Amino acid sequence: MQIMPDVSVLFHIINFLFLIWVLNAILYKPIRQILIKRKEKIGGLDQKIKTFTNDAEQKDLAYNAGLKTARAEGLKEKEVFLKAATEEERKIIEQINQKNQADFAEVQAKIQKDADAAKAALLQEVEVFAETISQKILGRVVS
């Protein structure tokens, strides 16, 4: 058996080409365009994500640098305050020591004065006590 091509083969070829053209115009082109738009949109979103990521990294680096600088400045200020506090403490202690020394000298002078007054009073009464004791021991008046 032998197959002879006739006019119907030509109609089938034309019908097939027409069907491809119709399917391309109605179905394939819109789907391809939607896919192209989606690809562009996703590409744009990827670019935005990269940009936002880079911005976030830059801001994080800037924040960390600022934080490091602020901590360093805080430590410097802390040292300055500690030095000032130490100096103030030294001055206060020195003032207290001076006041204590002055108070001590004053108390010491008062004690010395009281001791001298007591000594003088006792010296004046020594003769009276000596006479009284001698009289009691001897049992008679001593002149």
C-alpha atoms as a PDB file:
ATOM      1  CA  MET A   1       0.000   0.000   0.000  1.00  0.00           C
ATOM      2  CA  GLN A   2       1.158   3.307  -0.940  1.00  0.00           C
ATOM      3  CA  ILE A   3      -0.085   6.632   0.383  1.00  0.00           C
ATOM      4  CA  MET A   4      -0.471   9.427  -2.075  1.00  0.00           C
ATOM      5  CA  PRO A   5      -0.555  12.954  -0.829  1.00  0.00           C
ATOM      6  CA  ASP A   6      -3.482  14.843  -2.137  1.00  0.00           C
ATOM      7  CA  VAL A   7      -5.090  18.220  -1.521  1.00  0.00           C
ATOM      8  CA  SER A   8      -6.260  17.224   1.965  1.00  0.00           C
ATOM      9  CA  VAL A   9      -2.646  17.206   3.199  1.00  0.00           C
ATOM     10  CA  LEU A  10      -2.365  20.814   2.132  1.00  0.00           C
ATOM     11  CA  PHE A  11      -5.569  21.630   4.067  1.00  0.00           C
ATOM     12  CA  HIS A  12      -4.201  19.877   7.123  1.00  0.00           C
ATOM     13  CA  ILE A  13      -0.944  21.841   6.940  1.00  0.00           C
ATOM     14  CA  ILE A  14      -2.858  25.107   6.518  1.00  0.00           C
ATOM     15  CA  ASN A  15      -5.226  24.146   9.343  1.00  0.00           C
ATOM     16  CA  PHE A  16      -2.258  23.256  11.587  1.00  0.00           C
ATOM     17  CA  LEU A  17      -0.476  26.561  10.850  1.00  0.00           C
ATOM     18  CA  PHE A  18      -3.732  28.491  11.408  1.00  0.00           C
ATOM     19  CA  LEU A  19      -4.260  26.695  14.725  1.00  0.00           C
ATOM     20  CA  ILE A  20      -0.706  27.516  15.828  1.00  0.00           C
ATOM     21  CA  TRP A  21      -1.220  31.171  14.834  1.00  0.00           C
ATOM     22  CA  VAL A  22      -4.575  31.378  16.727  1.00  0.00           C
ATOM     23  CA  LEU A  23      -3.199  29.637  19.807  1.00  0.00           C
ATOM     24  CA  ASN A  24      -0.149  31.896  19.735  1.00  0.00           C
ATOM     25  CA  ALA A  25      -2.267  35.042  19.453  1.00  0.00           C
ATOM     26  CA  ILE A  26      -4.929  34.039  21.980  1.00  0.00           C
ATOM     27  CA  LEU A  27      -3.113  31.885  24.512  1.00  0.00           C
ATOM     28  CA  TYR A  28       0.682  31.869  24.290  1.00  0.00           C
ATOM     29  CA  LYS A  29       1.418  35.593  23.798  1.00  0.00           C
ATOM     30  CA  PRO A  30      -0.634  36.796  26.812  1.00  0.00           C
ATOM     31  CA  ILE A  31       0.858  34.084  29.003  1.00  0.00           C
ATOM     32  CA  ARG A  32       4.380  34.968  27.850  1.00  0.00           C
ATOM     33  CA  GLN A  33       3.712  38.669  28.473  1.00  0.00           C
ATOM     34  CA  ILE A  34       2.412  37.904  31.974  1.00  0.00           C
ATOM     35  CA  LEU A  35       5.498  35.776  32.644  1.00  0.00           C
ATOM     36  CA  ILE A  36       7.794  38.546  31.326  1.00  0.00           C
ATOM     37  CA  LYS A  37       6.052  41.147  33.561  1.00  0.00           C
ATOM     38  CA  ARG A  38       6.257  38.811  36.540  1.00  0.00           C
ATOM     39  CA  LYS A  39       9.954  38.215  35.870  1.00  0.00           C
ATOM     40  CA  GLU A  40      10.569  41.986  35.650  1.00  0.00           C
ATOM     41  CA  LYS A  41       8.593  42.573  38.845  1.00  0.00           C
ATOM     42  CA  ILE A  42      10.488  39.850  40.708  1.00  0.00           C
ATOM     43  CA  GLY A  43      13.777  41.223  39.364  1.00  0.00           C
ATOM     44  CA  GLY A  44      12.780  44.701  40.591  1.00  0.00           C
ATOM     45  CA  LEU A  45      11.837  43.298  43.983  1.00  0.00           C
ATOM     46  CA  ASP A  46      15.145  41.435  44.171  1.00  0.00           C
ATOM     47  CA  GLN A  47      16.956  44.692  43.412  1.00  0.00           C
ATOM     48  CA  LYS A  48      14.938  46.508  46.095  1.00  0.00           C
ATOM     49  CA  ILE A  49      15.719  43.730  48.573  1.00  0.00           C
ATOM     50  CA  LYS A  50      19.432  44.046  47.797  1.00  0.00           C
ATOM     51  CA  THR A  51      19.234  47.834  48.160  1.00  0.00           C
ATOM     52  CA  PHE A  52      17.365  47.605  51.464  1.00  0.00           C
ATOM     53  CA  THR A  53      19.789  44.962  52.711  1.00  0.00           C
ATOM     54  CA  ASN A  54      22.774  47.146  51.838  1.00  0.00           C
ATOM     55  CA  ASP A  55      21.118  50.160  53.469  1.00  0.00           C
ATOM     56  CA  ALA A  56      20.379  48.126  56.593  1.00  0.00           C
ATOM     57  CA  GLU A  57      23.981  46.922  56.743  1.00  0.00           C
ATOM     58  CA  GLN A  58      25.286  50.476  56.310  1.00  0.00           C
ATOM     59  CA  LYS A  59      22.943  51.753  59.018  1.00  0.00           C
ATOM     60  CA  ASP A  60      23.963  48.893  61.302  1.00  0.00           C
ATOM     61  CA  LEU A  61      27.631  49.711  60.760  1.00  0.00           C
ATOM     62  CA  ALA A  62      26.962  53.404  61.394  1.00  0.00           C
ATOM     63  CA  TYR A  63      24.960  52.549  64.523  1.00  0.00           C
ATOM     64  CA  ASN A  64      27.718  50.293  65.843  1.00  0.00           C
ATOM     65  CA  ALA A  65      30.348  52.933  65.103  1.00  0.00           C
ATOM     66  CA  GLY A  66      28.241  55.585  66.844  1.00  0.00           C
ATOM     67  CA  LEU A  67      27.673  53.264  69.785  1.00  0.00           C
ATOM     68  CA  LYS A  68      31.391  52.559  70.035  1.00  0.00           C
ATOM     69  CA  THR A  69      32.170  56.280  69.896  1.00  0.00           C
ATOM     70  CA  ALA A  70      29.512  57.046  72.508  1.00  0.00           C
ATOM     71  CA  ARG A  71      30.892  54.344  74.811  1.00  0.00           C
ATOM     72  CA  ALA A  72      34.421  55.698  74.417  1.00  0.00           C
ATOM     73  CA  GLU A  73      33.223  59.223  75.191  1.00  0.00           C
ATOM     74  CA  GLY A  74      31.223  57.902  78.144  1.00  0.00           C
ATOM     75  CA  LEU A  75      34.312  56.177  79.525  1.00  0.00           C
ATOM     76  CA  LYS A  76      36.326  59.377  79.119  1.00  0.00           C
ATOM     77  CA  GLU A  77      33.654  61.380  80.927  1.00  0.00           C
ATOM     78  CA  LYS A  78      33.495  58.709  83.624  1.00  0.00           C
ATOM     79  CA  GLU A  79      37.258  58.981  84.131  1.00  0.00           C
ATOM     80  CA  VAL A  80      36.996  62.773  84.335  1.00  0.00           C
ATOM     81  CA  PHE A  81      34.194  62.485  86.903  1.00  0.00           C
ATOM     82  CA  LEU A  82      36.166  59.910  88.889  1.00  0.00           C
ATOM     83  CA  LYS A  83      39.224  62.165  88.921  1.00  0.00           C
ATOM     84  CA  ALA A  84      37.097  65.127  90.006  1.00  0.00           C
ATOM     85  CA  ALA A  85      35.415  63.025  92.691  1.00  0.00           C
ATOM     86  CA  THR A  86      38.771  61.742  93.930  1.00  0.00           C
ATOM     87  CA  GLU A  87      40.121  65.289  94.096  1.00  0.00           C
ATOM     88  CA  GLU A  88      36.998  66.487  95.919  1.00  0.00           C
ATOM     89  CA  GLU A  89      37.265  63.551  98.339  1.00  0.00           C
ATOM     90  CA  ARG A  90      40.915  64.397  98.995  1.00  0.00           C
ATOM     91  CA  LYS A  91      40.018  68.040  99.671  1.00  0.00           C
ATOM     92  CA  ILE A  92      37.193  67.071 102.026  1.00  0.00           C
ATOM     93  CA  ILE A  93      39.409  64.629 103.908  1.00  0.00           C
ATOM     94  CA  GLU A  94      42.123  67.261 104.145  1.00  0.00           C
ATOM     95  CA  GLN A  95      39.624  69.803 105.527  1.00  0.00           C
ATOM     96  CA  ILE A  96      38.336  67.250 108.040  1.00  0.00           C
ATOM     97  CA  ASN A  97      41.908  66.435 109.108  1.00  0.00           C
ATOM     98  CA  GLN A  98      42.729  70.120 109.539  1.00  0.00           C
ATOM     99  CA  LYS A  99      39.553  70.682 111.558  1.00  0.00           C
ATOM    100  CA  ASN A 100      40.283  67.613 113.677  1.00  0.00           C
ATOM    101  CA  GLN A 101      43.841  68.802 114.289  1.00  0.00           C
ATOM    102  CA  ALA A 102      42.566  72.254 115.256  1.00  0.00           C
ATOM    103  CA  ASP A 103      39.938  70.708 117.545  1.00  0.00           C
ATOM    104  CA  PHE A 104      42.559  68.375 119.011  1.00  0.00           C
ATOM    105  CA  ALA A 105      44.935  71.265 119.656  1.00  0.00           C
ATOM    106  CA  GLU A 106      42.092  73.227 121.248  1.00  0.00           C
ATOM    107  CA  VAL A 107      41.075  70.300 123.474  1.00  0.00           C
ATOM    108  CA  GLN A 108      44.697  69.647 124.328  1.00  0.00           C
ATOM    109  CA  ALA A 109      45.164  73.322 125.274  1.00  0.00           C
ATOM    110  CA  LYS A 110      41.991  73.239 127.374  1.00  0.00           C
ATOM    111  CA  ILE A 111      43.136  70.071 129.143  1.00  0.00           C
ATOM    112  CA  GLN A 112      46.550  71.626 129.752  1.00  0.00           C
ATOM    113  CA  LYS A 113      44.890  74.772 131.085  1.00  0.00           C
ATOM    114  CA  ASP A 114      42.576  72.735 133.331  1.00  0.00           C
ATOM    115  CA  ALA A 115      45.537  70.640 134.509  1.00  0.00           C
ATOM    116  CA  ASP A 116      47.549  73.765 135.252  1.00  0.00           C
ATOM    117  CA  ALA A 117      44.593  75.288 137.115  1.00  0.00           C
ATOM    118  CA  ALA A 118      44.120  72.074 139.114  1.00  0.00           C
ATOM    119  CA  LYS A 119      47.847  71.923 139.813  1.00  0.00           C
ATOM    120  CA  ALA A 120      47.870  75.531 140.969  1.00  0.00           C
ATOM    121  CA  ALA A 121      44.844  74.926 143.172  1.00  0.00           C
ATOM    122  CA  LEU A 122      46.442  71.801 144.632  1.00  0.00           C
ATOM    123  CA  LEU A 123      49.733  73.611 145.194  1.00  0.00           C
ATOM    124  CA  GLN A 124      47.896  76.255 147.164  1.00  0.00           C
ATOM    125  CA  GLU A 125      46.211  73.613 149.248  1.00  0.00           C
ATOM    126  CA  VAL A 126      49.309  71.417 149.642  1.00  0.00           C
ATOM    127  CA  GLU A 127      50.459  73.329 152.668  1.00  0.00           C
ATOM    128  CA  VAL A 128      47.025  73.066 154.262  1.00  0.00           C
ATOM    129  CA  PHE A 129      46.898  69.322 153.521  1.00  0.00           C
ATOM    130  CA  ALA A 130      50.463  68.856 154.738  1.00  0.00           C
ATOM    131  CA  GLU A 131      49.644  70.652 157.973  1.00  0.00           C
ATOM    132  CA  THR A 132      46.446  68.673 158.470  1.00  0.00           C
ATOM    133  CA  ILE A 133      48.197  65.358 157.819  1.00  0.00           C
ATOM    134  CA  SER A 134      51.115  66.267 160.081  1.00  0.00           C
ATOM    135  CA  GLN A 135      48.716  67.177 162.837  1.00  0.00           C
ATOM    136  CA  LYS A 136      46.869  63.912 162.490  1.00  0.00           C
ATOM    137  CA  ILE A 137      50.062  61.893 162.402  1.00  0.00           C
ATOM    138  CA  LEU A 138      51.738  63.719 165.277  1.00  0.00           C
ATOM    139  CA  GLY A 139      48.594  64.341 167.145  1.00  0.00           C
ATOM    140  CA  ARG A 140      49.484  67.934 167.910  1.00  0.00           C
ATOM    141  CA  VAL A 141      49.537  71.305 166.164  1.00  0.00           C
ATOM    142  CA  VAL A 142      52.599  71.922 164.025  1.00  0.00           C
ATOM    143  CA  SER A 143      53.694  75.473 163.472  1.00  0.00           C
END
